[in-house]
């Protein structure tokens, strides 16, 4: 299946997971378009100072892959700085949050895979 960028659904979520500001999600593929066990496959953009609040992943895992910008990630209690090319995996009951720690847009790919 080929999907052009203009066909991808975009949405803005305010204070996502009790985070700060707004988050733009560009859904590359939605769950109904996928045969595998994937709940989310999206390009995420956070403006400076915006964040996705702390949340837990039970019976699933989420991957953040940084495309551009600088992120501060709380990975189950460990605070880390991520830059382009870095990735973090959170799942199996662990929690995380992510914040744009820079002065330019933070752009990342987010993928949520289900365990069953």
N, C-alpha and C. Protein backbone atom coordinates (compact mmCIF):
# COMPACT_ATOMS: atom_id res chain seq x y z
N UNK A 1 0.85 -1.18 0.00
CA UNK A 1 0.00 0.00 0.00
C UNK A 1 0.89 1.24 0.00
N UNK A 2 0.62 2.12 -0.91
CA UNK A 2 1.31 3.41 -0.97
C UNK A 2 0.40 4.46 -0.38
N UNK A 3 0.95 5.32 0.44
CA UNK A 3 0.16 6.39 1.04
C UNK A 3 0.96 7.68 0.93
N UNK A 4 0.40 8.65 0.27
CA UNK A 4 1.04 9.95 0.09
C UNK A 4 0.85 10.80 1.35
N UNK A 5 1.80 11.68 1.57
CA UNK A 5 1.77 12.52 2.77
C UNK A 5 0.46 13.30 2.90
N UNK A 6 -0.09 13.74 1.77
CA UNK A 6 -1.33 14.51 1.82
C UNK A 6 -2.55 13.65 2.19
N UNK A 7 -2.38 12.33 2.16
CA UNK A 7 -3.47 11.42 2.54
C UNK A 7 -3.43 11.05 4.03
N UNK A 8 -2.38 11.44 4.71
CA UNK A 8 -2.21 11.08 6.11
C UNK A 8 -2.99 12.04 7.01
N UNK A 9 -3.79 11.45 7.89
CA UNK A 9 -4.61 12.24 8.81
C UNK A 9 -3.72 12.96 9.82
N UNK A 10 -4.01 14.24 10.03
CA UNK A 10 -3.32 15.02 11.05
C UNK A 10 -4.30 15.40 12.13
N UNK A 11 -3.80 15.44 13.35
CA UNK A 11 -4.63 15.91 14.46
C UNK A 11 -3.76 16.65 15.46
N UNK A 12 -4.39 17.55 16.19
CA UNK A 12 -3.74 18.29 17.26
C UNK A 12 -4.38 17.86 18.56
N UNK A 13 -3.55 17.47 19.52
CA UNK A 13 -4.05 17.12 20.85
C UNK A 13 -3.49 18.11 21.85
N UNK A 14 -4.37 18.71 22.61
CA UNK A 14 -3.98 19.66 23.65
C UNK A 14 -3.68 18.91 24.94
N UNK A 15 -2.58 19.29 25.60
CA UNK A 15 -2.20 18.71 26.89
C UNK A 15 -2.27 17.18 26.88
N UNK A 16 -1.66 16.59 25.87
CA UNK A 16 -1.70 15.14 25.69
C UNK A 16 -1.12 14.44 26.92
N UNK A 17 -1.89 13.53 27.48
CA UNK A 17 -1.49 12.79 28.69
C UNK A 17 -1.11 13.74 29.83
N UNK A 18 -1.83 14.86 29.92
CA UNK A 18 -1.57 15.91 30.91
C UNK A 18 -0.22 16.60 30.73
N UNK A 19 0.26 16.59 29.50
CA UNK A 19 1.49 17.31 29.19
C UNK A 19 1.22 18.79 28.99
N UNK A 20 2.21 19.50 28.46
CA UNK A 20 2.12 20.95 28.24
C UNK A 20 1.92 21.25 26.76
N UNK A 21 1.07 22.23 26.48
CA UNK A 21 0.89 22.71 25.11
C UNK A 21 0.19 21.73 24.22
N UNK A 22 0.46 21.84 22.92
CA UNK A 22 -0.21 21.00 21.93
C UNK A 22 0.79 20.08 21.24
N UNK A 23 0.26 18.95 20.78
CA UNK A 23 1.04 17.93 20.09
C UNK A 23 0.38 17.69 18.74
N UNK A 24 1.16 17.73 17.68
CA UNK A 24 0.64 17.42 16.34
C UNK A 24 1.02 15.99 16.00
N UNK A 25 0.01 15.20 15.64
CA UNK A 25 0.23 13.83 15.20
C UNK A 25 -0.15 13.72 13.73
N UNK A 26 0.75 13.17 12.95
CA UNK A 26 0.48 12.86 11.55
C UNK A 26 0.50 11.34 11.47
N UNK A 27 -0.68 10.75 11.32
CA UNK A 27 -0.82 9.30 11.32
C UNK A 27 -0.36 8.75 9.98
N UNK A 28 0.81 8.12 9.97
CA UNK A 28 1.36 7.54 8.74
C UNK A 28 0.42 6.44 8.26
N UNK A 29 0.11 5.51 9.16
CA UNK A 29 -0.92 4.51 8.93
C UNK A 29 -1.76 4.42 10.19
N UNK A 30 -3.06 4.24 10.03
CA UNK A 30 -3.93 4.04 11.19
C UNK A 30 -4.07 2.55 11.44
N UNK A 31 -4.51 2.20 12.63
CA UNK A 31 -4.56 0.80 13.04
C UNK A 31 -5.36 -0.06 12.07
N UNK A 32 -6.48 0.45 11.55
CA UNK A 32 -7.32 -0.33 10.63
C UNK A 32 -6.64 -0.63 9.30
N UNK A 33 -5.58 0.10 8.97
CA UNK A 33 -4.86 -0.14 7.71
C UNK A 33 -3.75 -1.18 7.86
N UNK A 34 -3.50 -1.60 9.09
CA UNK A 34 -2.39 -2.50 9.38
C UNK A 34 -2.88 -3.89 9.76
N UNK A 35 -2.21 -4.91 9.29
CA UNK A 35 -2.55 -6.28 9.64
C UNK A 35 -1.86 -6.70 10.93
N UNK A 36 -0.67 -6.17 11.16
CA UNK A 36 0.10 -6.51 12.37
C UNK A 36 -0.47 -5.87 13.61
N UNK A 37 0.17 -6.15 14.72
CA UNK A 37 -0.30 -5.67 16.03
C UNK A 37 0.34 -4.33 16.36
N UNK A 38 -0.07 -3.32 15.64
CA UNK A 38 0.44 -1.96 15.81
C UNK A 38 -0.74 -1.04 16.09
N UNK A 39 -0.68 -0.32 17.23
CA UNK A 39 -1.77 0.58 17.60
C UNK A 39 -1.54 2.00 17.10
N UNK A 40 -0.28 2.39 16.94
CA UNK A 40 0.04 3.75 16.52
C UNK A 40 1.32 3.74 15.70
N UNK A 41 1.28 4.45 14.57
CA UNK A 41 2.47 4.70 13.76
C UNK A 41 2.32 6.12 13.26
N UNK A 42 2.99 7.06 13.94
CA UNK A 42 2.76 8.48 13.65
C UNK A 42 4.04 9.30 13.75
N UNK A 43 4.05 10.36 12.98
CA UNK A 43 5.07 11.39 13.10
C UNK A 43 4.51 12.41 14.08
N UNK A 44 5.28 12.72 15.11
CA UNK A 44 4.83 13.59 16.19
C UNK A 44 5.69 14.84 16.20
N UNK A 45 5.04 16.01 16.32
CA UNK A 45 5.76 17.28 16.40
C UNK A 45 5.35 18.00 17.68
N UNK A 46 6.36 18.39 18.46
CA UNK A 46 6.15 19.18 19.66
C UNK A 46 6.91 20.49 19.51
N UNK A 47 6.21 21.59 19.68
CA UNK A 47 6.84 22.92 19.66
C UNK A 47 7.68 23.08 20.93
N UNK A 48 8.60 24.04 20.96
CA UNK A 48 9.41 24.26 22.16
C UNK A 48 8.52 24.43 23.40
N UNK A 49 8.92 23.74 24.48
CA UNK A 49 8.18 23.80 25.73
C UNK A 49 6.99 22.86 25.84
N UNK A 50 6.62 22.21 24.75
CA UNK A 50 5.47 21.30 24.77
C UNK A 50 5.92 19.89 25.16
N UNK A 51 4.97 19.09 25.67
CA UNK A 51 5.33 17.76 26.14
C UNK A 51 4.14 16.81 26.04
N UNK A 52 4.47 15.52 26.10
CA UNK A 52 3.50 14.45 26.31
C UNK A 52 3.74 13.97 27.73
N UNK A 53 2.72 14.02 28.57
CA UNK A 53 2.87 13.71 29.98
C UNK A 53 3.15 12.25 30.26
N UNK A 54 3.42 11.97 31.51
CA UNK A 54 3.77 10.63 31.96
C UNK A 54 2.61 9.66 31.75
N UNK A 55 2.92 8.52 31.15
CA UNK A 55 1.92 7.48 30.94
C UNK A 55 2.61 6.11 30.90
N UNK A 56 1.83 5.08 31.23
CA UNK A 56 2.33 3.71 31.34
C UNK A 56 1.89 2.91 30.12
N UNK A 57 2.72 1.94 29.75
CA UNK A 57 2.38 1.03 28.66
C UNK A 57 2.30 -0.39 29.20
N UNK A 58 1.07 -0.87 29.40
CA UNK A 58 0.81 -2.24 29.82
C UNK A 58 0.44 -3.07 28.61
N UNK A 59 1.01 -4.25 28.49
CA UNK A 59 0.71 -5.18 27.40
C UNK A 59 0.97 -4.59 26.02
N UNK A 60 1.90 -3.63 25.99
CA UNK A 60 2.31 -3.00 24.74
C UNK A 60 3.65 -2.31 24.98
N UNK A 61 4.27 -1.86 23.89
CA UNK A 61 5.50 -1.08 24.00
C UNK A 61 5.46 0.06 22.99
N UNK A 62 6.12 1.16 23.37
CA UNK A 62 6.17 2.32 22.49
C UNK A 62 7.62 2.67 22.20
N UNK A 63 7.87 2.97 20.95
CA UNK A 63 9.18 3.38 20.48
C UNK A 63 9.10 4.85 20.08
N UNK A 64 10.02 5.66 20.58
CA UNK A 64 10.21 7.03 20.09
C UNK A 64 11.54 7.05 19.34
N UNK A 65 11.52 7.52 18.09
CA UNK A 65 12.73 7.69 17.29
C UNK A 65 12.83 9.17 16.94
N UNK A 66 13.89 9.84 17.39
CA UNK A 66 14.02 11.28 17.22
C UNK A 66 14.53 11.60 15.80
N UNK A 67 13.76 12.42 15.09
CA UNK A 67 14.14 12.86 13.75
C UNK A 67 14.89 14.18 13.80
N UNK A 68 14.36 15.16 14.55
CA UNK A 68 15.03 16.45 14.69
C UNK A 68 14.64 17.08 16.02
N UNK A 69 15.52 17.94 16.51
CA UNK A 69 15.28 18.61 17.78
C UNK A 69 15.92 17.87 18.94
N UNK A 70 15.67 18.38 20.15
CA UNK A 70 16.22 17.81 21.37
C UNK A 70 15.09 17.49 22.33
N UNK A 71 15.11 16.28 22.88
CA UNK A 71 14.06 15.83 23.78
C UNK A 71 14.63 15.51 25.16
N UNK A 72 13.82 15.78 26.17
CA UNK A 72 14.09 15.25 27.51
C UNK A 72 13.05 14.17 27.74
N UNK A 73 13.52 12.95 28.04
CA UNK A 73 12.64 11.81 28.23
C UNK A 73 12.81 11.30 29.66
N UNK A 74 11.68 11.07 30.32
CA UNK A 74 11.68 10.35 31.59
C UNK A 74 11.34 8.91 31.23
N UNK A 75 12.35 8.04 31.26
CA UNK A 75 12.19 6.64 30.89
C UNK A 75 12.15 5.80 32.16
N UNK A 76 10.94 5.66 32.71
CA UNK A 76 10.73 4.87 33.92
C UNK A 76 11.63 5.35 35.07
N UNK A 77 11.72 6.68 35.20
CA UNK A 77 12.47 7.29 36.30
C UNK A 77 13.87 7.73 35.94
N UNK A 78 14.36 7.35 34.78
CA UNK A 78 15.68 7.80 34.33
C UNK A 78 15.49 8.96 33.34
N UNK A 79 16.03 10.12 33.66
CA UNK A 79 15.92 11.30 32.81
C UNK A 79 17.06 11.27 31.81
N UNK A 80 16.71 11.33 30.53
CA UNK A 80 17.69 11.25 29.45
C UNK A 80 17.46 12.37 28.45
N UNK A 81 18.52 12.78 27.77
CA UNK A 81 18.43 13.72 26.65
C UNK A 81 18.60 12.93 25.37
N UNK A 82 17.67 13.12 24.44
CA UNK A 82 17.73 12.43 23.15
C UNK A 82 17.90 13.45 22.04
N UNK A 83 18.69 13.07 21.06
CA UNK A 83 18.96 13.92 19.90
C UNK A 83 18.66 13.13 18.63
N UNK A 84 18.69 13.76 17.45
CA UNK A 84 18.38 13.05 16.21
C UNK A 84 19.17 11.74 16.07
N UNK A 85 18.43 10.70 15.72
CA UNK A 85 19.01 9.37 15.56
C UNK A 85 18.89 8.51 16.81
N UNK A 86 18.58 9.12 17.97
CA UNK A 86 18.41 8.36 19.21
C UNK A 86 17.01 7.76 19.25
N UNK A 87 16.87 6.69 20.02
CA UNK A 87 15.57 6.04 20.17
C UNK A 87 15.43 5.53 21.60
N UNK A 88 14.18 5.41 22.05
CA UNK A 88 13.89 4.85 23.37
C UNK A 88 12.71 3.90 23.23
N UNK A 89 12.75 2.81 23.99
CA UNK A 89 11.70 1.79 23.98
C UNK A 89 11.15 1.67 25.40
N UNK A 90 9.84 1.79 25.55
CA UNK A 90 9.19 1.70 26.85
C UNK A 90 8.01 0.74 26.74
N UNK A 91 7.92 -0.20 27.68
CA UNK A 91 6.80 -1.14 27.66
C UNK A 91 6.79 -2.05 28.85
N UNK A 92 5.89 -3.05 28.80
CA UNK A 92 5.79 -4.08 29.83
C UNK A 92 5.56 -3.49 31.21
N UNK A 93 4.67 -2.47 31.30
CA UNK A 93 4.32 -1.85 32.57
C UNK A 93 5.16 -0.66 32.95
N UNK A 94 6.17 -0.31 32.17
CA UNK A 94 7.01 0.85 32.45
C UNK A 94 6.30 2.12 31.98
N UNK A 95 6.80 3.27 32.46
CA UNK A 95 6.21 4.56 32.08
C UNK A 95 7.25 5.47 31.45
N UNK A 96 6.75 6.49 30.76
CA UNK A 96 7.63 7.50 30.19
C UNK A 96 6.87 8.79 29.92
N UNK A 97 7.64 9.83 29.64
CA UNK A 97 7.12 11.11 29.17
C UNK A 97 8.20 11.70 28.28
N UNK A 98 7.82 12.71 27.49
CA UNK A 98 8.78 13.35 26.59
C UNK A 98 8.45 14.83 26.49
N UNK A 99 9.49 15.65 26.45
CA UNK A 99 9.32 17.11 26.37
C UNK A 99 10.32 17.68 25.38
N UNK A 100 9.88 18.70 24.65
CA UNK A 100 10.78 19.42 23.77
C UNK A 100 11.66 20.31 24.64
N UNK A 101 12.94 19.98 24.72
CA UNK A 101 13.88 20.70 25.57
C UNK A 101 14.69 21.73 24.80
N UNK A 102 14.37 21.92 23.54
CA UNK A 102 15.15 22.84 22.71
C UNK A 102 14.37 24.07 22.30
N UNK A 103 14.96 24.81 21.36
CA UNK A 103 14.30 26.03 20.87
C UNK A 103 13.82 25.88 19.43
N UNK A 104 13.80 24.64 18.94
CA UNK A 104 13.24 24.34 17.62
C UNK A 104 12.24 23.20 17.80
N UNK A 105 11.44 22.93 16.77
CA UNK A 105 10.47 21.84 16.86
C UNK A 105 11.18 20.51 17.13
N UNK A 106 10.54 19.69 17.96
CA UNK A 106 10.98 18.31 18.18
C UNK A 106 10.10 17.44 17.30
N UNK A 107 10.72 16.67 16.41
CA UNK A 107 9.98 15.79 15.50
C UNK A 107 10.47 14.37 15.75
N UNK A 108 9.51 13.46 15.93
CA UNK A 108 9.85 12.07 16.20
C UNK A 108 8.83 11.14 15.59
N UNK A 109 9.23 9.90 15.40
CA UNK A 109 8.30 8.85 15.02
C UNK A 109 7.91 8.13 16.29
N UNK A 110 6.62 7.85 16.44
CA UNK A 110 6.13 7.08 17.58
C UNK A 110 5.41 5.84 17.04
N UNK A 111 5.78 4.69 17.59
CA UNK A 111 5.18 3.43 17.18
C UNK A 111 4.78 2.68 18.45
N UNK A 112 3.52 2.25 18.52
CA UNK A 112 3.05 1.44 19.65
C UNK A 112 2.71 0.06 19.12
N UNK A 113 3.41 -0.95 19.67
CA UNK A 113 3.21 -2.35 19.29
C UNK A 113 2.51 -3.08 20.43
N UNK A 114 1.51 -3.89 20.09
CA UNK A 114 0.73 -4.63 21.08
C UNK A 114 1.35 -6.01 21.30
N UNK A 115 1.30 -6.49 22.54
CA UNK A 115 1.87 -7.80 22.87
C UNK A 115 0.96 -8.94 22.40
N UNK A 116 -0.36 -8.74 22.44
CA UNK A 116 -1.24 -9.82 21.98
C UNK A 116 -2.44 -9.28 21.26
